[in-house]
Amino acid sequence: MFSQRTKALWIALLSLVLSGCTVELAYNNLDRLVLRWLNEKIELTPQQQEQVKQALDEHLAWHCEAHLPAYADLLNAFQNDLSQGSVTHERMLEYGDTMAGFGKDLVTVTRPTAIELLRSLSDAQVTALQASFEESNNQLIEQLSQTNPDDVINERANRMSKRLARFMGKPSQTQRVTISQWARNYQSTAGFQLAYAYQWQAKLVEALSIRQLEPAAFEAQIEILFDPGAGWDEAYRTAVMQNQSATWEMMARVMSQLSDRQKNRMVRKIAGYSGDFEGLSCQADQDFVYSSDKKEAPSGSLSRS
């Protein structure tokens, strides 16, 4: 089982991405959620599962000291902007860049673990991984071939409205118009994603074929593959950047359209998340003595027995 601290740290991450999932649900099912996702791709051996758990503990010990206080600071800054009515498009872009930096840090820290896990795969596990790729690709192809463009736009707008409603309450008519305009102007990247998936998967399988014979070359190839956005073509990159900017602009407009009741509700929600991150931070854990030399990112390598 993960340590209680590891579970708490994963809650801090999952609470932002598991829409509608309660903290208690994430907490009680954390072990199963993480390992189930991995086992859906490749059925891990007991030794690999233990290695992954150990690596997660190391990474999250780093994360709780290096990132959680920064998450709280970011939320406090946003709460202050929201209270003062100064949530502009430019500020939202700054917040987005900061969050993207957090994501890149996490990729950098966890990449060595991914390399060692991939290196440990058996031929049967690689075959299973390829099969999972094919299954997910076929699902996306089916989705692209059957989806009505108007339905996609409406679903996109409805998803965003529901997400925002969890923080600010039911959107007003004016806010729904703003969200609908954003959903209609949002450029679909599903086709780009499919093309990139085929390219990325082929390069991964190629790298896996030399994982034992040429370990240095294998590691170099995996590092490139795990560099976020490194393999995107210019059209894909442009579409993603435009969509991100449009999304932050929409968010800023919705924030400027908040009623007093919505603003108060959102301020309370953000304050709650900020308090959670501060409480979960290792700096606030009186039972956890964290030496200064451990502030560096852990090696991430899986131990071998």
C-alpha atoms as a PDB file:
ATOM      1  CA  MET A   1       0.000   0.000   0.000  1.00  0.00           C
ATOM      2  CA  PHE A   2       1.086   3.569  -0.594  1.00  0.00           C
ATOM      3  CA  SER A   3       1.951   5.562   2.472  1.00  0.00           C
ATOM      4  CA  GLN A   4      -0.735   7.907   3.788  1.00  0.00           C
ATOM      5  CA  ARG A   5       1.355  10.879   2.646  1.00  0.00           C
ATOM      6  CA  THR A   6       1.659   9.533  -0.879  1.00  0.00           C
ATOM      7  CA  LYS A   7      -2.109   9.077  -1.052  1.00  0.00           C
ATOM      8  CA  ALA A   8      -2.689  12.621   0.150  1.00  0.00           C
ATOM      9  CA  LEU A   9      -0.330  14.050  -2.458  1.00  0.00           C
ATOM     10  CA  TRP A  10      -2.027  12.192  -5.264  1.00  0.00           C
ATOM     11  CA  ILE A  11      -5.357  13.573  -4.046  1.00  0.00           C
ATOM     12  CA  ALA A  12      -4.012  17.079  -4.572  1.00  0.00           C
ATOM     13  CA  LEU A  13      -3.285  16.225  -8.203  1.00  0.00           C
ATOM     14  CA  LEU A  14      -6.348  14.135  -8.910  1.00  0.00           C
ATOM     15  CA  SER A  15      -8.766  16.654  -7.411  1.00  0.00           C
ATOM     16  CA  LEU A  16      -7.968  19.013 -10.281  1.00  0.00           C
ATOM     17  CA  VAL A  17      -8.301  16.486 -13.093  1.00  0.00           C
ATOM     18  CA  LEU A  18     -10.947  14.023 -11.976  1.00  0.00           C
ATOM     19  CA  SER A  19     -13.987  16.134 -12.749  1.00  0.00           C
ATOM     20  CA  GLY A  20     -16.778  15.376 -10.335  1.00  0.00           C
ATOM     21  CA  CYS A  21     -14.701  12.946  -8.326  1.00  0.00           C
ATOM     22  CA  THR A  22     -14.739  13.646  -4.590  1.00  0.00           C
ATOM     23  CA  VAL A  23     -11.552  13.842  -2.564  1.00  0.00           C
ATOM     24  CA  GLU A  24     -12.733  10.915  -0.464  1.00  0.00           C
ATOM     25  CA  LEU A  25     -13.290   8.755  -3.553  1.00  0.00           C
ATOM     26  CA  ALA A  26      -9.850   9.551  -4.935  1.00  0.00           C
ATOM     27  CA  TYR A  27      -8.281   8.924  -1.525  1.00  0.00           C
ATOM     28  CA  ASN A  28      -9.910   5.565  -0.953  1.00  0.00           C
ATOM     29  CA  ASN A  29      -9.164   4.276  -4.462  1.00  0.00           C
ATOM     30  CA  LEU A  30      -5.781   5.803  -5.215  1.00  0.00           C
ATOM     31  CA  ASP A  31      -3.757   2.586  -5.327  1.00  0.00           C
ATOM     32  CA  ARG A  32      -6.293   0.931  -7.594  1.00  0.00           C
ATOM     33  CA  LEU A  33      -6.658   3.970  -9.870  1.00  0.00           C
ATOM     34  CA  VAL A  34      -2.939   4.339 -10.577  1.00  0.00           C
ATOM     35  CA  LEU A  35      -2.153   0.667 -11.055  1.00  0.00           C
ATOM     36  CA  ARG A  36      -5.365  -0.028 -12.966  1.00  0.00           C
ATOM     37  CA  TRP A  37      -4.429   2.604 -15.532  1.00  0.00           C
ATOM     38  CA  LEU A  38      -1.000   1.037 -16.003  1.00  0.00           C
ATOM     39  CA  ASN A  39      -2.401  -2.474 -16.158  1.00  0.00           C
ATOM     40  CA  GLU A  40      -4.859  -1.419 -18.857  1.00  0.00           C
ATOM     41  CA  LYS A  41      -1.849  -0.678 -21.043  1.00  0.00           C
ATOM     42  CA  ILE A  42       0.528  -3.390 -19.895  1.00  0.00           C
ATOM     43  CA  GLU A  43      -0.181  -5.993 -17.234  1.00  0.00           C
ATOM     44  CA  LEU A  44       2.615  -5.421 -14.747  1.00  0.00           C
ATOM     45  CA  THR A  45       4.364  -8.222 -12.953  1.00  0.00           C
ATOM     46  CA  PRO A  46       4.312  -8.137  -9.125  1.00  0.00           C
ATOM     47  CA  GLN A  47       7.933  -6.958  -9.152  1.00  0.00           C
ATOM     48  CA  GLN A  48       7.136  -4.139 -11.596  1.00  0.00           C
ATOM     49  CA  GLN A  49       4.142  -3.078  -9.501  1.00  0.00           C
ATOM     50  CA  GLU A  50       6.325  -2.859  -6.411  1.00  0.00           C
ATOM     51  CA  GLN A  51       8.955  -0.903  -8.332  1.00  0.00           C
ATOM     52  CA  VAL A  52       6.339   1.563  -9.573  1.00  0.00           C
ATOM     53  CA  LYS A  53       4.972   2.071  -6.050  1.00  0.00           C
ATOM     54  CA  GLN A  54       8.455   2.745  -4.714  1.00  0.00           C
ATOM     55  CA  ALA A  55       9.205   5.223  -7.504  1.00  0.00           C
ATOM     56  CA  LEU A  56       5.901   7.026  -6.946  1.00  0.00           C
ATOM     57  CA  ASP A  57       6.716   7.458  -3.280  1.00  0.00           C
ATOM     58  CA  GLU A  58      10.062   9.036  -4.211  1.00  0.00           C
ATOM     59  CA  HIS A  59       8.589  11.333  -6.843  1.00  0.00           C
ATOM     60  CA  LEU A  60       5.711  12.465  -4.702  1.00  0.00           C
ATOM     61  CA  ALA A  61       7.978  13.163  -1.740  1.00  0.00           C
ATOM     62  CA  TRP A  62       9.804  15.563  -4.053  1.00  0.00           C
ATOM     63  CA  HIS A  63       6.536  16.931  -5.422  1.00  0.00           C
ATOM     64  CA  CYS A  64       4.993  17.736  -2.072  1.00  0.00           C
ATOM     65  CA  GLU A  65       7.981  19.909  -1.157  1.00  0.00           C
ATOM     66  CA  ALA A  66       8.755  21.410  -4.565  1.00  0.00           C
ATOM     67  CA  HIS A  67       5.303  21.997  -6.058  1.00  0.00           C
ATOM     68  CA  LEU A  68       2.436  21.986  -3.588  1.00  0.00           C
ATOM     69  CA  PRO A  69       3.416  25.269  -1.898  1.00  0.00           C
ATOM     70  CA  ALA A  70       3.701  26.821  -5.369  1.00  0.00           C
ATOM     71  CA  TYR A  71       0.216  25.531  -6.244  1.00  0.00           C
ATOM     72  CA  ALA A  72      -1.120  27.247  -3.126  1.00  0.00           C
ATOM     73  CA  ASP A  73       0.680  30.480  -4.023  1.00  0.00           C
ATOM     74  CA  LEU A  74      -0.747  30.369  -7.551  1.00  0.00           C
ATOM     75  CA  LEU A  75      -4.276  29.873  -6.262  1.00  0.00           C
ATOM     76  CA  ASN A  76      -3.849  32.669  -3.721  1.00  0.00           C
ATOM     77  CA  ALA A  77      -2.723  35.017  -6.494  1.00  0.00           C
ATOM     78  CA  PHE A  78      -5.695  34.047  -8.638  1.00  0.00           C
ATOM     79  CA  GLN A  79      -8.050  34.504  -5.703  1.00  0.00           C
ATOM     80  CA  ASN A  80      -6.646  37.998  -5.166  1.00  0.00           C
ATOM     81  CA  ASP A  81      -7.080  38.872  -8.861  1.00  0.00           C
ATOM     82  CA  LEU A  82     -10.604  37.504  -8.789  1.00  0.00           C
ATOM     83  CA  SER A  83     -11.526  39.520  -5.695  1.00  0.00           C
ATOM     84  CA  GLN A  84     -10.199  42.700  -7.290  1.00  0.00           C
ATOM     85  CA  GLY A  85     -11.829  42.036 -10.664  1.00  0.00           C
ATOM     86  CA  SER A  86      -8.460  41.970 -12.433  1.00  0.00           C
ATOM     87  CA  VAL A  87      -8.585  38.545 -14.120  1.00  0.00           C
ATOM     88  CA  THR A  88      -7.484  39.605 -17.605  1.00  0.00           C
ATOM     89  CA  HIS A  89      -6.560  37.527 -20.649  1.00  0.00           C
ATOM     90  CA  GLU A  90      -2.913  38.423 -20.076  1.00  0.00           C
ATOM     91  CA  ARG A  91      -3.053  37.260 -16.458  1.00  0.00           C
ATOM     92  CA  MET A  92      -4.710  34.010 -17.490  1.00  0.00           C
ATOM     93  CA  LEU A  93      -1.943  33.427 -20.032  1.00  0.00           C
ATOM     94  CA  GLU A  94       0.612  33.946 -17.260  1.00  0.00           C
ATOM     95  CA  TYR A  95      -1.177  31.434 -15.066  1.00  0.00           C
ATOM     96  CA  GLY A  96      -1.280  29.009 -17.982  1.00  0.00           C
ATOM     97  CA  ASP A  97       2.456  29.328 -18.571  1.00  0.00           C
ATOM     98  CA  THR A  98       3.125  28.708 -14.885  1.00  0.00           C
ATOM     99  CA  MET A  99       0.978  25.572 -14.871  1.00  0.00           C
ATOM    100  CA  ALA A 100       2.657  24.345 -18.059  1.00  0.00           C
ATOM    101  CA  GLY A 101       5.983  24.761 -16.271  1.00  0.00           C
ATOM    102  CA  PHE A 102       4.721  22.585 -13.418  1.00  0.00           C
ATOM    103  CA  GLY A 103       3.778  19.931 -15.963  1.00  0.00           C
ATOM    104  CA  LYS A 104       7.193  20.004 -17.622  1.00  0.00           C
ATOM    105  CA  ASP A 105       8.858  19.620 -14.224  1.00  0.00           C
ATOM    106  CA  LEU A 106       6.763  16.521 -13.521  1.00  0.00           C
ATOM    107  CA  VAL A 107       7.659  15.013 -16.898  1.00  0.00           C
ATOM    108  CA  THR A 108      11.349  15.663 -16.300  1.00  0.00           C
ATOM    109  CA  VAL A 109      11.262  14.080 -12.848  1.00  0.00           C
ATOM    110  CA  THR A 110       9.245  10.997 -13.818  1.00  0.00           C
ATOM    111  CA  ARG A 111      10.957  10.337 -17.154  1.00  0.00           C
ATOM    112  CA  PRO A 112      13.778   8.198 -15.673  1.00  0.00           C
ATOM    113  CA  THR A 113      11.155   5.991 -14.018  1.00  0.00           C
ATOM    114  CA  ALA A 114       9.316   5.595 -17.319  1.00  0.00           C
ATOM    115  CA  ILE A 115      12.573   4.683 -19.039  1.00  0.00           C
ATOM    116  CA  GLU A 116      13.375   1.972 -16.497  1.00  0.00           C
ATOM    117  CA  LEU A 117       9.832   0.582 -16.596  1.00  0.00           C
ATOM    118  CA  LEU A 118       9.868   0.431 -20.397  1.00  0.00           C
ATOM    119  CA  ARG A 119      13.319  -1.163 -20.335  1.00  0.00           C
ATOM    120  CA  SER A 120      11.990  -3.906 -18.038  1.00  0.00           C
ATOM    121  CA  LEU A 121       9.109  -4.900 -20.330  1.00  0.00           C
ATOM    122  CA  SER A 122       9.005  -8.427 -21.686  1.00  0.00           C
ATOM    123  CA  ASP A 123       8.299  -9.095 -25.364  1.00  0.00           C
ATOM    124  CA  ALA A 124       4.776 -10.176 -24.410  1.00  0.00           C
ATOM    125  CA  GLN A 125       4.193  -6.865 -22.593  1.00  0.00           C
ATOM    126  CA  VAL A 126       5.432  -4.908 -25.615  1.00  0.00           C
ATOM    127  CA  THR A 127       2.993  -6.833 -27.795  1.00  0.00           C
ATOM    128  CA  ALA A 128       0.183  -6.034 -25.360  1.00  0.00           C
ATOM    129  CA  LEU A 129       1.180  -2.362 -25.406  1.00  0.00           C
ATOM    130  CA  GLN A 130       0.984  -2.312 -29.194  1.00  0.00           C
ATOM    131  CA  ALA A 131      -2.466  -3.888 -29.022  1.00  0.00           C
ATOM    132  CA  SER A 132      -3.642  -1.189 -26.601  1.00  0.00           C
ATOM    133  CA  PHE A 133      -2.357   1.455 -29.018  1.00  0.00           C
ATOM    134  CA  GLU A 134      -4.314  -0.106 -31.876  1.00  0.00           C
ATOM    135  CA  GLU A 135      -7.470  -0.263 -29.776  1.00  0.00           C
ATOM    136  CA  SER A 136      -7.292   3.396 -28.737  1.00  0.00           C
ATOM    137  CA  ASN A 137      -6.497   4.476 -32.293  1.00  0.00           C
ATOM    138  CA  ASN A 138      -9.476   2.565 -33.665  1.00  0.00           C
ATOM    139  CA  GLN A 139     -11.741   4.190 -31.086  1.00  0.00           C
ATOM    140  CA  LEU A 140     -10.574   7.637 -32.162  1.00  0.00           C
ATOM    141  CA  ILE A 141     -11.035   6.764 -35.845  1.00  0.00           C
ATOM    142  CA  GLU A 142     -14.568   5.592 -35.142  1.00  0.00           C
ATOM    143  CA  GLN A 143     -15.291   8.748 -33.202  1.00  0.00           C
ATOM    144  CA  LEU A 144     -13.998  10.947 -36.026  1.00  0.00           C
ATOM    145  CA  SER A 145     -16.029   9.104 -38.645  1.00  0.00           C
ATOM    146  CA  GLN A 146     -19.351   9.210 -36.809  1.00  0.00           C
ATOM    147  CA  THR A 147     -19.348  12.565 -35.021  1.00  0.00           C
ATOM    148  CA  ASN A 148     -21.580  15.401 -36.208  1.00  0.00           C
ATOM    149  CA  PRO A 149     -19.659  18.734 -36.039  1.00  0.00           C
ATOM    150  CA  ASP A 150     -22.577  20.536 -34.381  1.00  0.00           C
ATOM    151  CA  ASP A 151     -22.835  17.794 -31.775  1.00  0.00           C
ATOM    152  CA  VAL A 152     -19.121  18.170 -31.027  1.00  0.00           C
ATOM    153  CA  ILE A 153     -19.509  21.919 -30.498  1.00  0.00           C
ATOM    154  CA  ASN A 154     -22.521  21.489 -28.231  1.00  0.00           C
ATOM    155  CA  GLU A 155     -20.818  18.781 -26.200  1.00  0.00           C
ATOM    156  CA  ARG A 156     -17.691  20.916 -25.827  1.00  0.00           C
ATOM    157  CA  ALA A 157     -19.746  23.861 -24.575  1.00  0.00           C
ATOM    158  CA  ASN A 158     -21.743  21.660 -22.186  1.00  0.00           C
ATOM    159  CA  ARG A 159     -18.582  20.128 -20.705  1.00  0.00           C
ATOM    160  CA  MET A 160     -17.059  23.538 -20.074  1.00  0.00           C
ATOM    161  CA  SER A 161     -20.298  24.871 -18.554  1.00  0.00           C
ATOM    162  CA  LYS A 162     -20.461  21.923 -16.158  1.00  0.00           C
ATOM    163  CA  ARG A 163     -16.822  22.326 -15.132  1.00  0.00           C
ATOM    164  CA  LEU A 164     -17.237  26.017 -14.415  1.00  0.00           C
ATOM    165  CA  ALA A 165     -20.528  25.409 -12.605  1.00  0.00           C
ATOM    166  CA  ARG A 166     -18.708  23.296 -10.008  1.00  0.00           C
ATOM    167  CA  PHE A 167     -16.737  26.384  -9.011  1.00  0.00           C
ATOM    168  CA  MET A 168     -19.022  29.336  -9.610  1.00  0.00           C
ATOM    169  CA  GLY A 169     -22.528  27.900  -9.796  1.00  0.00           C
ATOM    170  CA  LYS A 170     -24.865  27.816 -12.793  1.00  0.00           C
ATOM    171  CA  PRO A 171     -23.625  30.033 -15.669  1.00  0.00           C
ATOM    172  CA  SER A 172     -25.806  32.965 -16.634  1.00  0.00           C
ATOM    173  CA  GLN A 173     -27.214  33.422 -20.127  1.00  0.00           C
ATOM    174  CA  THR A 174     -24.424  35.883 -20.942  1.00  0.00           C
ATOM    175  CA  GLN A 175     -21.792  33.435 -19.740  1.00  0.00           C
ATOM    176  CA  ARG A 176     -23.362  30.607 -21.734  1.00  0.00           C
ATOM    177  CA  VAL A 177     -23.150  32.752 -24.877  1.00  0.00           C
ATOM    178  CA  THR A 178     -19.462  33.402 -24.165  1.00  0.00           C
ATOM    179  CA  ILE A 179     -18.814  29.690 -23.693  1.00  0.00           C
ATOM    180  CA  SER A 180     -20.778  28.772 -26.842  1.00  0.00           C
ATOM    181  CA  GLN A 181     -18.774  31.255 -28.923  1.00  0.00           C
ATOM    182  CA  TRP A 182     -15.565  29.733 -27.614  1.00  0.00           C
ATOM    183  CA  ALA A 183     -16.777  26.189 -28.359  1.00  0.00           C
ATOM    184  CA  ARG A 184     -17.676  27.134 -31.940  1.00  0.00           C
ATOM    185  CA  ASN A 185     -14.332  28.829 -32.608  1.00  0.00           C
ATOM    186  CA  TYR A 186     -12.288  26.063 -30.963  1.00  0.00           C
ATOM    187  CA  GLN A 187     -10.279  24.216 -33.613  1.00  0.00           C
ATOM    188  CA  SER A 188     -10.605  20.445 -33.433  1.00  0.00           C
ATOM    189  CA  THR A 189      -7.223  18.752 -33.056  1.00  0.00           C
ATOM    190  CA  ALA A 190      -8.489  15.157 -33.138  1.00  0.00           C
ATOM    191  CA  GLY A 191      -7.057  14.560 -36.611  1.00  0.00           C
ATOM    192  CA  PHE A 192      -3.689  15.961 -35.571  1.00  0.00           C
ATOM    193  CA  GLN A 193      -3.780  13.834 -32.420  1.00  0.00           C
ATOM    194  CA  LEU A 194      -4.401  10.670 -34.413  1.00  0.00           C
ATOM    195  CA  ALA A 195      -1.564  11.366 -36.864  1.00  0.00           C
ATOM    196  CA  TYR A 196       0.798  12.210 -34.012  1.00  0.00           C
ATOM    197  CA  ALA A 197      -0.278   9.112 -32.075  1.00  0.00           C
ATOM    198  CA  TYR A 198       0.680   6.832 -34.979  1.00  0.00           C
ATOM    199  CA  GLN A 199       4.023   8.586 -35.350  1.00  0.00           C
ATOM    200  CA  TRP A 200       4.787   8.558 -31.605  1.00  0.00           C
ATOM    201  CA  GLN A 201       3.731   4.935 -31.138  1.00  0.00           C
ATOM    202  CA  ALA A 202       5.847   3.755 -34.064  1.00  0.00           C
ATOM    203  CA  LYS A 203       8.918   5.507 -32.654  1.00  0.00           C
ATOM    204  CA  LEU A 204       8.264   4.051 -29.206  1.00  0.00           C
ATOM    205  CA  VAL A 205       8.002   0.506 -30.587  1.00  0.00           C
ATOM    206  CA  GLU A 206      11.203   1.102 -32.556  1.00  0.00           C
ATOM    207  CA  ALA A 207      12.972   2.241 -29.400  1.00  0.00           C
ATOM    208  CA  LEU A 208      11.671  -0.748 -27.440  1.00  0.00           C
ATOM    209  CA  SER A 209      13.195  -3.097 -30.003  1.00  0.00           C
ATOM    210  CA  ILE A 210      16.690  -2.004 -28.856  1.00  0.00           C
ATOM    211  CA  ARG A 211      15.941  -1.616 -25.142  1.00  0.00           C
ATOM    212  CA  GLN A 212      18.335  -4.418 -24.163  1.00  0.00           C
ATOM    213  CA  LEU A 213      20.785  -4.383 -27.084  1.00  0.00           C
ATOM    214  CA  GLU A 214      21.522  -0.649 -27.138  1.00  0.00           C
ATOM    215  CA  PRO A 215      20.526   0.802 -23.744  1.00  0.00           C
ATOM    216  CA  ALA A 216      22.138   4.214 -24.309  1.00  0.00           C
ATOM    217  CA  ALA A 217      20.416   4.708 -27.680  1.00  0.00           C
ATOM    218  CA  PHE A 218      17.143   3.449 -26.206  1.00  0.00           C
ATOM    219  CA  GLU A 219      17.305   5.955 -23.351  1.00  0.00           C
ATOM    220  CA  ALA A 220      18.108   8.829 -25.714  1.00  0.00           C
ATOM    221  CA  GLN A 221      15.123   7.980 -27.936  1.00  0.00           C
ATOM    222  CA  ILE A 222      12.733   7.723 -24.989  1.00  0.00           C
ATOM    223  CA  GLU A 223      13.896  11.082 -23.615  1.00  0.00           C
ATOM    224  CA  ILE A 224      12.982  12.683 -26.944  1.00  0.00           C
ATOM    225  CA  LEU A 225       9.602  10.942 -27.029  1.00  0.00           C
ATOM    226  CA  PHE A 226       8.812  12.169 -23.513  1.00  0.00           C
ATOM    227  CA  ASP A 227       9.637  15.781 -24.350  1.00  0.00           C
ATOM    228  CA  PRO A 228       6.132  17.351 -24.381  1.00  0.00           C
ATOM    229  CA  GLY A 229       5.168  18.542 -27.855  1.00  0.00           C
ATOM    230  CA  ALA A 230       8.606  17.861 -29.349  1.00  0.00           C
ATOM    231  CA  GLY A 231       7.236  15.806 -32.252  1.00  0.00           C
ATOM    232  CA  TRP A 232       4.299  18.015 -33.203  1.00  0.00           C
ATOM    233  CA  ASP A 233       4.209  19.432 -36.708  1.00  0.00           C
ATOM    234  CA  GLU A 234       3.737  23.171 -37.145  1.00  0.00           C
ATOM    235  CA  ALA A 235       0.014  22.981 -37.949  1.00  0.00           C
ATOM    236  CA  TYR A 236      -0.686  20.912 -34.823  1.00  0.00           C
ATOM    237  CA  ARG A 237       1.395  23.213 -32.623  1.00  0.00           C
ATOM    238  CA  THR A 238      -0.317  26.323 -34.025  1.00  0.00           C
ATOM    239  CA  ALA A 239      -3.793  24.860 -33.444  1.00  0.00           C
ATOM    240  CA  VAL A 240      -2.955  23.921 -29.849  1.00  0.00           C
ATOM    241  CA  MET A 241      -1.514  27.348 -29.065  1.00  0.00           C
ATOM    242  CA  GLN A 242      -4.494  29.132 -30.599  1.00  0.00           C
ATOM    243  CA  ASN A 243      -6.930  26.940 -28.673  1.00  0.00           C
ATOM    244  CA  GLN A 244      -5.076  27.536 -25.409  1.00  0.00           C
ATOM    245  CA  SER A 245      -5.096  31.293 -25.912  1.00  0.00           C
ATOM    246  CA  ALA A 246      -8.784  31.269 -26.865  1.00  0.00           C
ATOM    247  CA  THR A 247      -9.625  29.196 -23.798  1.00  0.00           C
ATOM    248  CA  TRP A 248      -7.839  31.567 -21.432  1.00  0.00           C
ATOM    249  CA  GLU A 249      -9.531  34.525 -23.128  1.00  0.00           C
ATOM    250  CA  MET A 250     -12.924  32.871 -22.674  1.00  0.00           C
ATOM    251  CA  MET A 251     -12.153  32.195 -19.018  1.00  0.00           C
ATOM    252  CA  ALA A 252     -11.187  35.829 -18.467  1.00  0.00           C
ATOM    253  CA  ARG A 253     -14.434  36.992 -20.078  1.00  0.00           C
ATOM    254  CA  VAL A 254     -16.505  34.632 -17.949  1.00  0.00           C
ATOM    255  CA  MET A 255     -14.699  35.868 -14.832  1.00  0.00           C
ATOM    256  CA  SER A 256     -15.561  39.466 -15.788  1.00  0.00           C
ATOM    257  CA  GLN A 257     -19.222  38.425 -16.064  1.00  0.00           C
ATOM    258  CA  LEU A 258     -19.473  36.882 -12.592  1.00  0.00           C
ATOM    259  CA  SER A 259     -22.303  37.943 -10.345  1.00  0.00           C
ATOM    260  CA  ASP A 260     -21.457  38.779  -6.742  1.00  0.00           C
ATOM    261  CA  ARG A 261     -22.870  35.423  -5.685  1.00  0.00           C
ATOM    262  CA  GLN A 262     -20.797  33.541  -8.261  1.00  0.00           C
ATOM    263  CA  LYS A 263     -17.642  35.461  -7.325  1.00  0.00           C
ATOM    264  CA  ASN A 264     -18.099  34.751  -3.617  1.00  0.00           C
ATOM    265  CA  ARG A 265     -18.677  31.066  -4.303  1.00  0.00           C
ATOM    266  CA  MET A 266     -15.583  30.866  -6.504  1.00  0.00           C
ATOM    267  CA  VAL A 267     -13.404  32.704  -3.988  1.00  0.00           C
ATOM    268  CA  ARG A 268     -14.462  30.205  -1.302  1.00  0.00           C
ATOM    269  CA  LYS A 269     -13.738  27.251  -3.593  1.00  0.00           C
ATOM    270  CA  ILE A 270     -10.292  28.535  -4.508  1.00  0.00           C
ATOM    271  CA  ALA A 271      -9.487  29.295  -0.881  1.00  0.00           C
ATOM    272  CA  GLY A 272     -10.436  25.725  -0.037  1.00  0.00           C
ATOM    273  CA  TYR A 273      -8.125  24.278  -2.677  1.00  0.00           C
ATOM    274  CA  SER A 274      -5.315  26.570  -1.585  1.00  0.00           C
ATOM    275  CA  GLY A 275      -5.754  25.458   2.015  1.00  0.00           C
ATOM    276  CA  ASP A 276      -5.730  21.816   0.918  1.00  0.00           C
ATOM    277  CA  PHE A 277      -2.443  22.261  -0.931  1.00  0.00           C
ATOM    278  CA  GLU A 278      -0.881  24.106   1.985  1.00  0.00           C
ATOM    279  CA  GLY A 279      -2.026  21.384   4.366  1.00  0.00           C
ATOM    280  CA  LEU A 280      -0.755  18.593   2.127  1.00  0.00           C
ATOM    281  CA  SER A 281       2.607  20.227   1.568  1.00  0.00           C
ATOM    282  CA  CYS A 282       5.512  18.460   3.242  1.00  0.00           C
ATOM    283  CA  GLN A 283       6.483  21.834   4.673  1.00  0.00           C
ATOM    284  CA  ALA A 284       3.306  21.620   6.784  1.00  0.00           C
ATOM    285  CA  ASP A 285       3.845  17.996   7.792  1.00  0.00           C
ATOM    286  CA  GLN A 286       5.214  18.101  11.328  1.00  0.00           C
ATOM    287  CA  ASP A 287       5.823  14.342  11.310  1.00  0.00           C
ATOM    288  CA  PHE A 288       7.933  14.432   8.162  1.00  0.00           C
ATOM    289  CA  VAL A 289      11.559  15.559   8.430  1.00  0.00           C
ATOM    290  CA  TYR A 290      12.676  16.512   4.928  1.00  0.00           C
ATOM    291  CA  SER A 291      16.396  17.193   4.538  1.00  0.00           C
ATOM    292  CA  SER A 292      17.530  20.030   2.267  1.00  0.00           C
ATOM    293  CA  ASP A 293      19.490  17.750  -0.017  1.00  0.00           C
ATOM    294  CA  LYS A 294      16.243  16.024  -1.025  1.00  0.00           C
ATOM    295  CA  LYS A 295      14.790  19.108  -2.641  1.00  0.00           C
ATOM    296  CA  GLU A 296      16.437  17.990  -5.863  1.00  0.00           C
ATOM    297  CA  ALA A 297      14.360  15.846  -8.189  1.00  0.00           C
ATOM    298  CA  PRO A 298      14.799  12.147  -7.373  1.00  0.00           C
ATOM    299  CA  SER A 299      16.651   9.945  -9.801  1.00  0.00           C
ATOM    300  CA  GLY A 300      13.443   8.091 -10.580  1.00  0.00           C
ATOM    301  CA  SER A 301      15.256   4.880 -11.477  1.00  0.00           C
ATOM    302  CA  LEU A 302      13.429   1.732 -10.479  1.00  0.00           C
ATOM    303  CA  SER A 303      15.328  -0.430  -8.074  1.00  0.00           C
ATOM    304  CA  ARG A 304      16.287  -3.855  -9.315  1.00  0.00           C
ATOM    305  CA  SER A 305      16.412  -6.864  -7.081  1.00  0.00           C
END
